[in-house]
Amino acid sequence: MAAVLVAAVVLLAIDHRHELAAATRFLARVSPPKLALATVFEAASLVCFAGVQRWLLHTGGARLSLRTMTALAMAAGALAGALPGGVAFSAAWLFRQLRRRRVGQALAAAVLVVSGALSVFSCSSCSRQGHSARA
């Protein structure tokens, strides 16, 4: 089975060699300092999102640490990006994780809805700002 898998990967790489070469050239032009800065900002964004969820939970009476919420947000984001229709699976998984941590059903659902709505609002606001700055 492993040999078949390795052969499939090799054949796929050969078939897509031009795309792989273009990706390699693209990655060679990445600035390490800019990549590091982008990584820091991405991590800060994730912690802020987890902080919003933690604040909403705290407002509803649930006490979870920022570390726990950051880990849950990170795992939920990974599920959302890795699976087809992953956002639905991610939301269901996060809901179950909150329930496991003794968060009430209504509070867990409300936190997911409100934090999702705030996320959409902030993304659309940033998008509009970027669009108006270019105009």
Protein backbone atom coordinates (compact mmCIF):
# COMPACT_ATOMS: atom_id res chain seq x y z
CA MET A 1 0.00 0.00 0.00
CA ALA A 2 2.82 2.42 0.86
CA ALA A 3 4.56 1.68 -2.46
CA VAL A 4 1.35 2.43 -4.36
CA LEU A 5 0.96 5.70 -2.47
CA VAL A 6 4.57 6.73 -3.15
CA ALA A 7 4.16 5.85 -6.85
CA ALA A 8 0.97 7.92 -7.04
CA VAL A 9 2.72 10.92 -5.46
CA VAL A 10 5.66 10.61 -7.87
CA LEU A 11 3.35 10.35 -10.89
CA LEU A 12 1.34 13.32 -9.66
CA ALA A 13 4.52 15.36 -9.16
CA ILE A 14 5.72 14.50 -12.67
CA ASP A 15 2.34 15.39 -14.14
CA HIS A 16 2.33 18.77 -12.34
CA ARG A 17 6.06 19.53 -12.63
CA HIS A 18 5.49 22.90 -14.33
CA GLU A 19 3.20 24.05 -11.52
CA LEU A 20 5.69 22.80 -8.92
CA ALA A 21 8.53 24.67 -10.66
CA ALA A 22 6.46 27.88 -10.73
CA ALA A 23 5.62 27.48 -7.05
CA THR A 24 9.30 26.93 -6.22
CA ARG A 25 10.26 30.11 -8.10
CA PHE A 26 7.52 32.01 -6.29
CA LEU A 27 8.65 30.75 -2.87
CA ALA A 28 12.25 31.67 -3.64
CA ARG A 29 11.19 35.33 -3.91
CA VAL A 30 9.54 35.40 -0.47
CA SER A 31 11.26 37.78 1.91
CA PRO A 32 12.03 35.97 5.20
CA PRO A 33 11.58 39.13 7.33
CA LYS A 34 8.23 39.88 5.70
CA LEU A 35 7.17 36.25 6.12
CA ALA A 36 8.10 36.40 9.81
CA LEU A 37 6.13 39.63 10.26
CA ALA A 38 3.11 38.17 8.47
CA THR A 39 3.31 35.10 10.71
CA VAL A 40 3.33 37.28 13.83
CA PHE A 41 0.31 39.25 12.60
CA GLU A 42 -1.54 36.04 11.70
CA ALA A 43 -0.88 34.63 15.18
CA ALA A 44 -2.05 37.89 16.78
CA SER A 45 -5.21 37.77 14.67
CA LEU A 46 -5.94 34.22 15.83
CA VAL A 47 -5.41 35.16 19.48
CA CYS A 48 -7.68 38.20 19.07
CA PHE A 49 -10.43 36.04 17.54
CA ALA A 50 -10.10 33.58 20.42
CA GLY A 51 -10.16 36.54 22.81
CA VAL A 52 -13.47 37.72 21.38
CA GLN A 53 -14.96 34.26 21.81
CA ARG A 54 -13.56 34.07 25.36
CA TRP A 55 -15.02 37.49 26.16
CA LEU A 56 -18.43 36.42 24.83
CA LEU A 57 -18.28 33.22 26.90
CA HIS A 58 -17.22 35.21 29.98
CA THR A 59 -20.15 37.58 29.44
CA GLY A 60 -22.43 34.54 29.49
CA GLY A 61 -20.87 33.20 32.67
CA ALA A 62 -18.49 30.58 31.28
CA ARG A 63 -14.83 30.67 32.28
CA LEU A 64 -12.32 29.36 29.74
CA SER A 65 -8.72 30.46 29.46
CA LEU A 66 -7.37 32.39 26.51
CA ARG A 67 -4.97 29.51 25.91
CA THR A 68 -7.84 27.02 25.65
CA MET A 69 -9.87 29.28 23.38
CA THR A 70 -6.84 29.92 21.15
CA ALA A 71 -6.22 26.19 20.82
CA LEU A 72 -9.89 25.59 20.01
CA ALA A 73 -9.96 28.43 17.45
CA MET A 74 -6.81 27.14 15.83
CA ALA A 75 -8.15 23.58 15.59
CA ALA A 76 -11.52 24.78 14.30
CA GLY A 77 -9.76 26.86 11.64
CA ALA A 78 -7.74 23.83 10.59
CA LEU A 79 -10.93 21.78 10.23
CA ALA A 80 -12.59 24.56 8.24
CA GLY A 81 -9.69 24.69 5.80
CA ALA A 82 -8.99 20.98 5.50
CA LEU A 83 -12.41 19.53 4.78
CA PRO A 84 -14.89 20.15 1.98
CA GLY A 85 -17.72 22.05 3.65
CA GLY A 86 -15.31 22.41 6.54
CA VAL A 87 -16.93 25.49 8.03
CA ALA A 88 -20.00 23.45 9.00
CA PHE A 89 -17.87 20.65 10.46
CA SER A 90 -15.74 23.22 12.24
CA ALA A 91 -18.73 24.92 13.84
CA ALA A 92 -20.21 21.59 14.94
CA TRP A 93 -16.86 20.47 16.37
CA LEU A 94 -16.33 23.75 18.23
CA PHE A 95 -19.88 23.59 19.60
CA ARG A 96 -19.21 20.08 20.94
CA GLN A 97 -15.90 21.21 22.44
CA LEU A 98 -17.59 24.07 24.26
CA ARG A 99 -20.32 21.75 25.52
CA ARG A 100 -17.62 19.33 26.80
CA ARG A 101 -16.26 22.23 28.82
CA ARG A 102 -19.66 22.72 30.47
CA VAL A 103 -20.74 25.71 28.38
CA GLY A 104 -24.51 25.83 28.10
CA GLN A 105 -26.08 24.92 24.78
CA ALA A 106 -27.63 28.36 24.18
CA LEU A 107 -24.43 30.19 25.17
CA ALA A 108 -22.24 28.00 22.96
CA ALA A 109 -24.55 28.55 19.98
CA ALA A 110 -24.77 32.29 20.64
CA VAL A 111 -20.98 32.61 20.86
CA LEU A 112 -20.55 30.84 17.52
CA VAL A 113 -23.20 32.99 15.82
CA VAL A 114 -22.03 36.32 17.26
CA SER A 115 -18.30 35.69 16.75
CA GLY A 116 -19.00 34.51 13.20
CA ALA A 117 -21.08 37.61 12.48
CA LEU A 118 -18.38 39.87 13.93
CA SER A 119 -15.79 38.11 11.80
CA VAL A 120 -17.84 38.62 8.62
CA PHE A 121 -18.47 42.24 9.55
CA SER A 122 -14.79 42.96 10.18
CA CYS A 123 -13.72 41.23 6.95
CA SER A 124 -16.28 43.14 4.90
CA SER A 125 -15.26 46.41 6.58
CA CYS A 126 -11.61 45.78 5.75
CA SER A 127 -12.57 44.87 2.20
CA ARG A 128 -14.56 48.08 1.76
CA GLN A 129 -11.72 50.14 3.25
CA GLY A 130 -9.24 48.58 0.84
CA HIS A 131 -11.60 49.16 -2.09
CA SER A 132 -12.21 52.83 -1.21
CA ALA A 133 -8.46 53.41 -0.70
CA ARG A 134 -7.82 52.21 -4.26
CA ALA A 135 -10.59 54.34 -5.77
